[in-house]
Amino acid sequence: MEALKPTFGRILWVDDEVDLLRPHLMLLQSAGYSVDATMNGQDALELLSTRSYDLVLLDEQMPGLRGIEVLERVRSGSPRLPVVMVTKSEEDSTMHEAIGRRADDYIVKPTSPRQVLSVVTRILAGPALQHEQIARDFSRRFGELREMLASASSWTDWASLYSELVDWDLKLEGAGETGFGDILRSLMLDLSRGFCDLVAEQYGDWVHEDGESGPTLSVDILSRFFQPILSEDPSGVFVVMDCMQLGQWRAIMPILSEYFEIEEELYASILPTATPFARNALFGAVFPDELAEMRPEWWERGDQIGFNSFEDELFKGVIHKLAGAKLPTHYEKIFTAAQGKAMLNRLGGYLSSPSATALVFGFVDMLTHGRAESRLIWEMARDTSALRSLTVTWFERSPALAALKLAAQRGVRVLLTTDHGSVHCHRPATIYAKRDATANLRYKFGEDLRVDNPDAAFLTGDADELRLPPGSMNQRYALCREDYFFVYPTKLREYQNRYRDNFLHGGVSPDEMVLPVALLTPR
């Protein structure tokens, strides 16, 4: 007995000239599709009420119910059923009406059997074919990635590798390919280890070389990327998304591509990758030791600079150096919906005359911290993928997107970046410290610090290596590497249970340090 040919989808073709479509039907059937044909809209609706279909090919001009009327009824009953309109009319109004009523595609007669097969294959088999191709591409690329990891020796090497692995993570997730998860995680772990070795070896050189051979750093962003905007245009907007990983940025980037041409580069956050240091470096264009010398009253307890209370002053000072003292500056920090609404009410005025505007959005940081305090958020953001998804959901309805769309409408260019990322922490590292040590889980400053596992931390007694103000003679600095977090021996079990599997920042990892800076030019 001859084996039955597999069916790749059931199609309903509705056309009053169906007898003339025999070649089309035969080609679809030979390609593995099951096709039912009917000559009018009423019969089509009855078939749809009793049978399940994967796609409808719908003639627009038929006796009785017009195709557009059938489409409207199909959409009310089966909103996700793909429908392709087939019509003799080439008028734009017909096409616009079909698209407006959510037709998935539009074919103008006369059409060849191959053209119809191409449209059907794209809609029904396209996603599966694309997913299979992504899996094959990653399999072929895997060996090359392994070789690149083995030979990487510079910031550019490691940052480029991290960027590619982030993209593979997004592609494989989008394709529903879970079989490569362990392989990708293994590559990421090896990359993180090598990257942290590089930072421990070269960071001191990076912060003393004025960008000559190391990466672009937090302190370089305004002068390198924002000054050119202000030198060419009367206005510019500087947007900082607090605590955003590269992967989160890449997930929201497609939303912005509708409104902007996007040019992206990668830069390195300064250490510690925590808001009081990294964001002050962004807005002040100076390292912590320089800022402490300039404004000693902002240095509190020797470990945190002003808790970011003076970013507006820092931004104003840098912009006046870069673009002249006559250019007005505006600064807004947005954490709540009410603050977002108030900002949007003012933003139009800011953009109506020459100015430099800075907007800081804190939702992603709040989400990351809130995960540790709320079981609900914990369940919703269980891993990096879920955290990205929540970020996209927020961004689509956020004052951040509304502000960016307004800038695009006004023709104002935007520089968008983040101050640091976060890393999903799984491994505790026991640290011994005196009472004077800072409380942060990813970095510690204090006298006579000691870590049980030296591989878990970047340790130094030289404040100048981190461009921090000098401390006491016995002051030491410990920053967690990779996905470690610090625990005290006296509270070992409590800290392990509470902070394991959290997203944290302040230490050394590509998730925290390799960051996007994007120039957004309105379309």
Protein backbone atom coordinates (compact mmCIF):
# COMPACT_ATOMS: atom_id res chain seq x y z
CA MET A 1 0.00 0.00 0.00
CA GLU A 2 1.36 3.42 -0.97
CA ALA A 3 2.22 5.66 1.97
CA LEU A 4 0.13 8.77 2.40
CA LYS A 5 1.91 12.04 1.60
CA PRO A 6 2.23 14.26 4.68
CA THR A 7 -0.08 17.26 4.81
CA PHE A 8 1.58 20.58 5.64
CA GLY A 9 -1.65 22.54 6.08
CA ARG A 10 -5.34 22.68 5.16
CA ILE A 11 -6.34 25.51 2.82
CA LEU A 12 -9.78 26.86 1.89
CA TRP A 13 -9.88 28.57 -1.52
CA VAL A 14 -12.95 30.74 -2.10
CA ASP A 15 -13.40 31.89 -5.73
CA ASP A 16 -16.38 31.94 -8.12
CA GLU A 17 -13.96 30.93 -10.93
CA VAL A 18 -12.56 27.97 -9.06
CA ASP A 19 -12.82 25.73 -12.16
CA LEU A 20 -10.13 27.86 -13.81
CA LEU A 21 -7.76 27.34 -10.88
CA ARG A 22 -7.14 23.62 -11.42
CA PRO A 23 -3.35 24.08 -12.06
CA HIS A 24 -3.08 26.16 -8.89
CA LEU A 25 -4.88 23.54 -6.79
CA MET A 26 -2.84 20.67 -8.23
CA LEU A 27 0.49 22.42 -7.48
CA LEU A 28 -0.57 23.15 -3.89
CA GLN A 29 -1.64 19.53 -3.41
CA SER A 30 1.59 18.19 -4.92
CA ALA A 31 3.50 20.39 -2.48
CA GLY A 32 1.78 18.67 0.45
CA TYR A 33 -1.18 20.97 1.17
CA SER A 34 -4.78 19.82 1.48
CA VAL A 35 -7.11 22.17 -0.43
CA ASP A 36 -10.90 22.58 -0.27
CA ALA A 37 -12.50 24.85 -2.86
CA THR A 38 -15.83 26.65 -2.82
CA MET A 39 -17.42 29.19 -5.17
CA ASN A 40 -19.09 31.68 -2.81
CA GLY A 41 -18.65 33.39 0.51
CA GLN A 42 -21.70 31.88 2.25
CA ASP A 43 -20.51 28.32 1.61
CA ALA A 44 -17.05 29.32 2.79
CA LEU A 45 -18.41 30.60 6.11
CA GLU A 46 -20.34 27.34 6.61
CA LEU A 47 -17.19 25.31 5.94
CA LEU A 48 -15.21 27.47 8.36
CA SER A 49 -17.82 26.84 11.06
CA THR A 50 -17.50 23.06 10.76
CA ARG A 51 -13.87 22.43 9.75
CA SER A 52 -10.45 23.62 10.83
CA TYR A 53 -8.27 25.44 8.28
CA ASP A 54 -4.76 26.86 8.39
CA LEU A 55 -5.21 29.47 5.65
CA VAL A 56 -7.94 31.00 3.46
CA LEU A 57 -7.39 32.20 -0.14
CA LEU A 58 -10.28 34.62 -0.69
CA ASP A 59 -11.43 36.18 -3.96
CA GLU A 60 -12.47 39.79 -3.47
CA GLN A 61 -15.07 40.02 -6.29
CA MET A 62 -17.76 37.33 -6.02
CA PRO A 63 -21.57 37.23 -6.42
CA GLY A 64 -23.35 37.54 -3.11
CA LEU A 65 -20.99 38.23 -0.25
CA ARG A 66 -17.92 40.18 -1.37
CA GLY A 67 -14.53 38.93 -0.25
CA ILE A 68 -14.10 41.92 2.05
CA GLU A 69 -17.37 41.05 3.80
CA VAL A 70 -16.25 37.44 4.23
CA LEU A 71 -12.89 38.66 5.57
CA GLU A 72 -14.66 40.82 8.15
CA ARG A 73 -16.73 37.86 9.39
CA VAL A 74 -13.69 35.57 9.46
CA ARG A 75 -11.80 38.10 11.55
CA SER A 76 -14.64 38.35 14.08
CA GLY A 77 -14.75 34.58 14.53
CA SER A 78 -11.15 33.50 13.86
CA PRO A 79 -8.92 36.54 14.36
CA ARG A 80 -5.66 34.57 13.95
CA LEU A 81 -6.59 32.56 10.83
CA PRO A 82 -4.33 33.75 7.97
CA VAL A 83 -6.29 35.18 5.00
CA VAL A 84 -4.86 36.08 1.58
CA MET A 85 -7.02 38.28 -0.66
CA VAL A 86 -7.03 37.44 -4.39
CA THR A 87 -8.54 40.10 -6.70
CA LYS A 88 -8.56 41.47 -10.22
CA SER A 89 -8.45 45.03 -8.92
CA GLU A 90 -5.13 46.86 -8.86
CA GLU A 91 -6.63 49.95 -7.23
CA ASP A 92 -4.86 51.10 -4.07
CA SER A 93 -8.19 51.61 -2.30
CA THR A 94 -9.02 47.88 -2.59
CA MET A 95 -5.59 46.89 -1.29
CA HIS A 96 -5.79 49.42 1.56
CA GLU A 97 -9.24 48.17 2.57
CA ALA A 98 -8.03 44.55 2.62
CA ILE A 99 -4.97 45.42 4.68
CA GLY A 100 -7.05 47.61 6.97
CA ARG A 101 -9.29 44.65 7.68
CA ARG A 102 -6.18 42.63 8.53
CA ALA A 103 -5.65 40.49 5.43
CA ASP A 104 -2.27 38.78 5.77
CA ASP A 105 -1.36 39.22 2.12
CA TYR A 106 -2.75 40.42 -1.22
CA ILE A 107 -2.47 38.86 -4.73
CA VAL A 108 -3.62 40.51 -7.97
CA LYS A 109 -4.99 38.28 -10.76
CA PRO A 110 -3.93 36.85 -13.10
CA THR A 111 -1.64 34.91 -10.82
CA SER A 112 0.56 31.93 -11.59
CA PRO A 113 0.42 28.67 -9.62
CA ARG A 114 4.02 29.28 -8.49
CA GLN A 115 3.14 32.73 -7.15
CA VAL A 116 0.30 31.30 -5.08
CA LEU A 117 2.51 28.47 -3.79
CA SER A 118 5.16 31.00 -2.81
CA VAL A 119 2.69 33.07 -0.76
CA VAL A 120 1.18 29.99 0.91
CA THR A 121 4.61 28.55 1.74
CA ARG A 122 5.79 31.83 3.22
CA ILE A 123 2.77 32.07 5.52
CA LEU A 124 2.35 28.43 6.53
CA ALA A 125 5.85 26.95 6.26
CA GLY A 126 7.96 30.10 6.47
CA PRO A 127 8.39 30.19 10.28
CA ALA A 128 9.34 26.50 10.46
CA LEU A 129 11.79 26.87 7.55
CA GLN A 130 13.34 29.94 9.17
CA HIS A 131 13.66 28.13 12.51
CA GLU A 132 15.32 25.14 10.87
CA GLN A 133 17.75 27.44 9.07
CA ILE A 134 18.66 29.24 12.32
CA ALA A 135 19.39 25.87 13.97
CA ARG A 136 21.57 24.80 11.04
CA ASP A 137 23.40 28.14 11.02
CA PHE A 138 24.19 27.91 14.74
CA SER A 139 25.40 24.33 14.39
CA ARG A 140 27.79 25.40 11.63
CA ARG A 141 28.95 28.45 13.58
CA PHE A 142 29.54 26.62 16.87
CA GLY A 143 33.02 25.34 16.00
CA GLU A 144 34.13 28.77 14.80
CA LEU A 145 32.87 30.36 18.02
CA ARG A 146 34.88 27.85 20.04
CA GLU A 147 38.02 28.76 18.10
CA MET A 148 37.35 32.48 18.55
CA LEU A 149 36.96 32.00 22.31
CA ALA A 150 40.28 30.18 22.44
CA SER A 151 42.14 32.96 20.60
CA ALA A 152 40.41 36.09 21.99
CA SER A 153 42.92 38.52 23.52
CA SER A 154 41.49 42.05 23.44
CA TRP A 155 38.44 44.00 24.52
CA THR A 156 37.25 44.07 20.90
CA ASP A 157 37.55 40.28 20.61
CA TRP A 158 35.59 39.57 23.79
CA ALA A 159 32.96 42.28 23.24
CA SER A 160 32.31 41.11 19.67
CA LEU A 161 31.96 37.51 20.83
CA TYR A 162 29.59 38.50 23.61
CA SER A 163 27.54 40.55 21.15
CA GLU A 164 27.23 37.59 18.78
CA LEU A 165 26.24 35.17 21.54
CA VAL A 166 23.55 37.60 22.71
CA ASP A 167 22.21 37.69 19.16
CA TRP A 168 22.25 33.88 18.92
CA ASP A 169 20.36 33.70 22.21
CA LEU A 170 17.65 35.98 20.81
CA LYS A 171 17.49 34.15 17.46
CA LEU A 172 17.28 30.68 18.98
CA GLU A 173 14.70 31.82 21.51
CA GLY A 174 12.63 33.41 18.73
CA ALA A 175 12.84 30.15 16.76
CA GLY A 176 11.73 28.11 19.78
CA GLU A 177 14.98 26.16 19.61
CA THR A 178 15.57 24.97 23.18
CA GLY A 179 17.91 22.13 22.24
CA PHE A 180 20.91 24.45 22.01
CA GLY A 181 20.38 26.00 25.44
CA ASP A 182 23.09 24.03 27.25
CA ILE A 183 25.59 24.62 24.43
CA LEU A 184 24.95 28.35 24.43
CA ARG A 185 25.22 28.53 28.23
CA SER A 186 28.54 26.68 28.06
CA LEU A 187 29.87 29.20 25.54
CA MET A 188 28.66 32.07 27.71
CA LEU A 189 30.37 30.66 30.81
CA ASP A 190 33.67 30.28 28.96
CA LEU A 191 33.32 33.76 27.53
CA SER A 192 32.57 35.27 30.92
CA ARG A 193 35.61 33.60 32.47
CA GLY A 194 37.94 34.83 29.71
CA PHE A 195 36.43 38.32 29.76
CA CYS A 196 36.93 38.63 33.52
CA ASP A 197 40.56 37.53 33.15
CA LEU A 198 41.03 40.32 30.59
CA VAL A 199 39.48 42.94 32.89
CA ALA A 200 41.59 41.86 35.88
CA GLU A 201 44.71 42.13 33.74
CA GLN A 202 44.03 45.29 31.74
CA TYR A 203 41.45 47.47 33.53
CA GLY A 204 44.09 49.56 35.27
CA ASP A 205 45.59 50.38 31.87
CA TRP A 206 42.22 51.20 30.32
CA VAL A 207 41.40 53.87 32.89
CA HIS A 208 44.79 55.55 32.55
CA GLU A 209 45.20 55.53 28.77
CA ASP A 210 42.59 58.12 27.72
CA GLY A 211 41.00 55.55 25.41
CA GLU A 212 44.13 55.08 23.31
CA SER A 213 44.08 51.27 23.22
CA GLY A 214 41.28 50.15 25.54
CA PRO A 215 37.53 50.36 25.06
CA THR A 216 35.34 53.44 25.09
CA LEU A 217 34.42 53.94 28.76
CA SER A 218 31.53 55.56 30.61
CA VAL A 219 33.48 58.81 30.92
CA ASP A 220 33.83 59.07 27.11
CA ILE A 221 30.19 58.79 26.05
CA LEU A 222 29.09 62.44 26.07
CA SER A 223 32.23 63.78 24.39
CA ARG A 224 32.52 61.03 21.79
CA PHE A 225 28.88 60.49 20.84
CA PHE A 226 26.71 63.37 22.11
CA GLN A 227 28.92 66.33 21.22
CA PRO A 228 28.73 65.53 17.47
CA ILE A 229 24.93 65.67 17.68
CA LEU A 230 25.02 69.10 19.30
CA SER A 231 27.63 70.38 16.85
CA GLU A 232 25.38 69.50 13.89
CA ASP A 233 21.86 70.07 15.27
CA PRO A 234 20.35 72.71 17.55
CA SER A 235 18.99 70.04 19.92
CA GLY A 236 19.73 66.55 21.12
CA VAL A 237 18.30 64.07 23.64
CA PHE A 238 20.44 61.84 25.85
CA VAL A 239 18.50 58.82 27.13
CA VAL A 240 19.83 56.52 29.86
CA MET A 241 17.98 53.28 30.58
CA ASP A 242 19.21 52.33 34.04
CA CYS A 243 20.49 48.74 34.43
CA MET A 244 19.87 47.47 30.89
CA GLN A 245 21.73 44.45 29.52
CA LEU A 246 22.79 44.36 25.89
CA GLY A 247 20.22 41.62 25.28
CA GLN A 248 17.42 43.77 26.65
CA TRP A 249 18.44 46.58 24.31
CA ARG A 250 18.57 44.24 21.32
CA ALA A 251 15.06 43.01 22.22
CA ILE A 252 13.53 46.52 22.15
CA MET A 253 15.57 47.77 19.18
CA PRO A 254 13.11 46.44 16.54
CA ILE A 255 10.39 48.60 18.10
CA LEU A 256 12.50 51.71 17.59
CA SER A 257 13.56 50.83 14.05
CA GLU A 258 10.12 51.92 12.84
CA TYR A 259 10.92 55.48 13.89
CA PHE A 260 14.71 55.76 13.71
CA GLU A 261 17.76 54.74 11.75
CA ILE A 262 19.92 53.07 14.42
CA GLU A 263 23.71 53.02 14.65
CA GLU A 264 25.08 50.98 17.56
CA GLU A 265 28.48 50.68 19.19
CA LEU A 266 29.63 48.90 22.34
CA TYR A 267 31.37 50.47 25.32
CA ALA A 268 32.59 49.33 28.73
CA SER A 269 31.10 50.47 32.02
CA ILE A 270 33.61 51.62 34.59
CA LEU A 271 34.02 49.62 37.80
CA PRO A 272 32.20 49.16 40.07
CA THR A 273 29.29 48.63 37.68
CA ALA A 274 26.90 50.28 40.11
CA THR A 275 24.75 53.36 39.59
CA PRO A 276 26.60 55.73 41.97
CA PHE A 277 29.83 55.21 40.05
CA ALA A 278 28.89 54.30 36.50
CA ARG A 279 26.11 56.85 35.99
CA ASN A 280 28.02 59.70 37.61
CA ALA A 281 30.82 58.84 35.19
CA LEU A 282 28.34 59.09 32.29
CA PHE A 283 26.97 62.47 33.29
CA GLY A 284 30.17 63.96 34.71
CA ALA A 285 32.61 62.52 32.13
CA VAL A 286 35.09 61.99 35.01
CA PHE A 287 36.24 59.02 37.08
CA PRO A 288 35.24 58.75 40.77
CA ASP A 289 38.65 59.94 41.98
CA GLU A 290 38.40 63.08 39.81
CA LEU A 291 34.86 63.79 40.94
CA ALA A 292 35.78 63.32 44.60
CA GLU A 293 38.59 65.82 44.15
CA MET A 294 36.37 68.30 42.32
CA ARG A 295 33.44 68.00 44.73
CA PRO A 296 34.62 66.43 48.02
CA GLU A 297 31.26 67.22 49.64
CA TRP A 298 29.62 64.68 47.32
CA TRP A 299 31.80 61.83 48.50
CA GLU A 300 29.91 60.08 51.27
CA ARG A 301 31.42 57.45 53.56
CA GLY A 302 34.19 56.92 51.02
CA ASP A 303 32.20 54.43 48.96
CA GLN A 304 29.39 56.10 47.04
CA ILE A 305 29.35 59.41 45.22
CA GLY A 306 26.30 61.46 46.07
CA PHE A 307 23.86 58.64 45.34
CA ASN A 308 23.27 60.30 41.95
CA SER A 309 21.71 63.40 43.44
CA PHE A 310 23.70 65.78 41.26
CA GLU A 311 23.41 64.35 37.75
CA ASP A 312 21.65 67.47 36.50
CA GLU A 313 24.58 69.63 37.61
CA LEU A 314 27.11 67.22 36.14
CA PHE A 315 25.25 67.09 32.82
CA LYS A 316 24.95 70.87 32.63
CA GLY A 317 28.65 71.34 33.34
CA VAL A 318 29.76 68.85 30.68
CA ILE A 319 27.37 70.19 28.03
CA HIS A 320 28.57 73.74 28.61
CA LYS A 321 32.16 72.56 28.11
CA LEU A 322 31.24 70.68 24.95
CA ALA A 323 28.70 73.01 23.34
CA GLY A 324 28.98 76.37 25.07
CA ALA A 325 27.42 77.92 28.14
CA LYS A 326 24.51 79.44 26.19
CA LEU A 327 22.91 76.10 25.33
CA PRO A 328 20.06 75.35 27.77
CA THR A 329 20.03 71.93 29.44
CA HIS A 330 17.14 69.92 30.84
CA TYR A 331 17.26 66.84 33.06
CA GLU A 332 14.44 64.45 34.01
CA LYS A 333 14.57 61.24 36.09
CA ILE A 334 11.51 59.02 35.58
CA PHE A 335 10.53 56.19 37.91
CA THR A 336 6.72 56.34 37.97
CA ALA A 337 3.86 56.75 35.50
CA ALA A 338 3.06 60.14 37.03
CA GLN A 339 6.64 61.32 36.53
CA GLY A 340 6.49 60.01 32.96
CA LYS A 341 3.31 61.93 32.22
CA ALA A 342 4.75 65.14 33.65
CA MET A 343 7.96 64.68 31.64
CA LEU A 344 6.02 64.20 28.40
CA ASN A 345 4.06 67.38 29.08
CA ARG A 346 7.34 69.30 29.31
CA LEU A 347 9.32 67.50 26.61
CA GLY A 348 7.56 69.19 23.71
CA GLY A 349 8.70 72.55 25.04
CA TYR A 350 12.27 71.32 25.48
CA LEU A 351 12.38 70.13 21.87
CA SER A 352 10.87 73.30 20.41
CA SER A 353 14.07 75.32 20.88
CA PRO A 354 17.83 74.59 20.93
CA SER A 355 18.69 72.57 24.03
CA ALA A 356 20.33 69.41 25.38
CA THR A 357 17.89 67.16 27.23
CA ALA A 358 18.79 64.18 29.44
CA LEU A 359 16.18 61.56 30.38
CA VAL A 360 16.89 58.74 32.86
CA PHE A 361 14.39 55.87 33.01
CA GLY A 362 14.54 53.67 36.10
CA PHE A 363 11.99 50.91 35.35
CA VAL A 364 14.45 48.18 34.34
CA ASP A 365 16.51 48.81 37.48
CA MET A 366 13.34 48.75 39.60
CA LEU A 367 12.31 45.49 37.94
CA THR A 368 15.71 43.95 38.59
CA HIS A 369 15.77 44.97 42.26
CA GLY A 370 12.06 44.28 42.77
CA ARG A 371 12.55 40.69 41.68
CA ALA A 372 14.44 39.99 44.90
CA GLU A 373 11.65 41.44 47.05
CA SER A 374 8.52 40.23 45.26
CA ARG A 375 7.65 36.57 44.67
CA LEU A 376 5.31 37.62 41.86
CA ILE A 377 8.07 39.47 39.98
CA TRP A 378 10.42 36.57 40.70
CA GLU A 379 8.04 34.14 39.00
CA MET A 380 7.50 36.49 36.04
CA ALA A 381 11.23 37.14 35.56
CA ARG A 382 12.68 33.72 36.32
CA ASP A 383 15.62 34.01 33.94
CA THR A 384 17.33 36.29 31.43
CA SER A 385 14.83 35.47 28.70
CA ALA A 386 11.83 36.30 30.90
CA LEU A 387 13.51 39.52 32.09
CA ARG A 388 13.96 40.57 28.46
CA SER A 389 10.32 39.77 27.72
CA LEU A 390 9.10 41.89 30.63
CA THR A 391 11.35 44.73 29.51
CA VAL A 392 9.79 44.64 26.03
CA THR A 393 6.26 44.54 27.48
CA TRP A 394 7.01 47.60 29.61
CA PHE A 395 8.79 49.47 26.83
CA GLU A 396 5.92 49.09 24.34
CA ARG A 397 3.65 51.10 26.67
CA SER A 398 6.24 53.23 28.43
CA PRO A 399 6.87 56.98 28.67
CA ALA A 400 10.33 56.12 27.32
CA LEU A 401 8.91 55.02 23.97
CA ALA A 402 6.48 57.94 23.96
CA ALA A 403 9.38 60.36 24.51
CA LEU A 404 11.43 58.75 21.75
CA LYS A 405 8.51 58.87 19.32
CA LEU A 406 8.05 62.56 20.11
CA ALA A 407 11.73 63.19 19.40
CA ALA A 408 11.36 61.34 16.09
CA GLN A 409 8.32 63.44 15.15
CA ARG A 410 10.28 66.62 15.88
CA GLY A 411 13.30 65.41 13.90
CA VAL A 412 15.57 65.44 16.97
CA ARG A 413 18.41 62.93 17.17
CA VAL A 414 18.76 60.79 20.30
CA LEU A 415 21.73 59.13 21.96
CA LEU A 416 20.49 56.12 23.93
CA THR A 417 22.56 54.07 26.35
CA THR A 418 22.64 52.51 29.80
CA ASP A 419 24.93 53.01 32.79
CA HIS A 420 25.43 49.29 33.57
CA GLY A 421 23.79 45.91 33.09
CA SER A 422 23.07 43.09 35.52
CA VAL A 423 24.14 39.47 35.85
CA HIS A 424 22.10 36.44 36.90
CA CYS A 425 24.00 35.27 40.00
CA HIS A 426 24.14 31.63 41.04
CA ARG A 427 27.39 31.05 42.98
CA PRO A 428 28.17 32.39 46.48
CA ALA A 429 31.70 33.50 47.38
CA THR A 430 32.55 33.75 51.08
CA ILE A 431 34.21 37.03 52.04
CA TYR A 432 35.79 37.99 55.36
CA ALA A 433 35.50 41.68 56.21
CA LYS A 434 35.39 44.11 59.10
CA ARG A 435 32.35 46.15 60.04
CA ASP A 436 33.51 49.08 57.90
CA ALA A 437 33.00 47.13 54.63
CA THR A 438 30.37 48.26 52.16
CA ALA A 439 27.13 46.30 52.05
CA ASN A 440 26.91 45.60 48.32
CA LEU A 441 26.66 41.99 47.18
CA ARG A 442 28.84 42.32 44.06
CA TYR A 443 31.57 44.66 45.40
CA LYS A 444 33.16 45.38 48.77
CA PHE A 445 35.44 48.15 49.99
CA GLY A 446 36.99 47.77 53.41
CA GLU A 447 40.08 46.98 55.45
CA ASP A 448 41.72 43.57 55.25
CA LEU A 449 39.17 42.00 52.90
CA ARG A 450 39.76 38.33 52.14
CA VAL A 451 37.87 35.99 49.80
CA ASP A 452 37.84 32.20 50.24
CA ASN A 453 37.92 31.55 46.50
CA PRO A 454 40.36 33.92 44.72
CA ASP A 455 38.91 32.93 41.33
CA ALA A 456 35.57 34.41 42.37
CA ALA A 457 36.77 38.01 42.72
CA PHE A 458 38.91 40.76 41.24
CA LEU A 459 40.96 41.88 44.27
CA THR A 460 43.22 44.90 44.55
CA GLY A 461 44.64 47.13 47.26
CA ASP A 462 45.37 49.94 44.80
CA ALA A 463 42.55 52.51 44.60
CA ASP A 464 44.22 54.09 41.58
CA GLU A 465 43.78 50.86 39.61
CA LEU A 466 40.01 51.48 39.84
CA ARG A 467 40.32 55.31 39.70
CA LEU A 468 38.77 55.56 43.16
CA PRO A 469 39.80 58.09 45.82
CA PRO A 470 42.58 56.70 48.05
CA GLY A 471 41.45 54.94 51.20
CA SER A 472 43.27 53.91 54.35
CA MET A 473 46.56 52.03 54.29
CA ASN A 474 44.81 48.66 54.72
CA GLN A 475 41.89 49.44 52.40
CA ARG A 476 41.15 46.73 49.84
CA TYR A 477 38.69 46.42 46.98
CA ALA A 478 36.91 43.21 45.97
CA LEU A 479 34.63 42.89 42.94
CA CYS A 480 32.79 39.67 42.13
CA ARG A 481 33.61 38.02 38.84
CA GLU A 482 31.26 36.13 36.54
CA ASP A 483 28.06 35.08 38.37
CA TYR A 484 29.38 35.09 41.96
CA PHE A 485 27.93 37.11 44.84
CA PHE A 486 29.47 37.78 48.25
CA VAL A 487 28.25 36.12 51.43
CA TYR A 488 29.54 36.46 54.98
CA PRO A 489 30.59 33.29 56.86
CA THR A 490 28.34 34.26 59.78
CA LYS A 491 25.25 34.54 57.53
CA LEU A 492 26.19 31.99 54.90
CA ARG A 493 22.93 30.08 54.62
CA GLU A 494 20.75 33.20 54.93
CA TYR A 495 22.58 35.04 52.11
CA GLN A 496 22.70 31.97 49.89
CA ASN A 497 18.97 31.37 50.19
CA ARG A 498 18.03 35.01 49.76
CA TYR A 499 20.32 36.16 46.94
CA ARG A 500 21.12 33.09 44.86
CA ASP A 501 19.42 33.29 41.45
CA ASN A 502 19.05 37.09 41.65
CA PHE A 503 20.02 39.67 39.06
CA LEU A 504 22.74 41.83 40.63
CA HIS A 505 25.28 44.41 39.51
CA GLY A 506 28.42 46.11 40.72
CA GLY A 507 30.99 43.50 39.70
CA VAL A 508 32.89 42.22 36.68
CA SER A 509 31.04 40.37 33.91
CA PRO A 510 30.17 40.97 30.27
CA ASP A 511 26.48 41.22 31.22
CA GLU A 512 27.31 44.22 33.44
CA MET A 513 30.15 45.81 31.45
CA VAL A 514 29.56 45.32 27.70
CA LEU A 515 26.93 47.92 26.94
CA PRO A 516 25.23 49.52 23.93
CA VAL A 517 25.37 53.15 22.93
CA ALA A 518 23.04 53.89 20.02
CA LEU A 519 22.60 56.94 17.81
CA LEU A 520 18.93 57.24 16.80
CA THR A 521 18.30 59.39 13.73
CA PRO A 522 14.63 60.05 12.90
CA ARG A 523 13.43 58.45 9.68
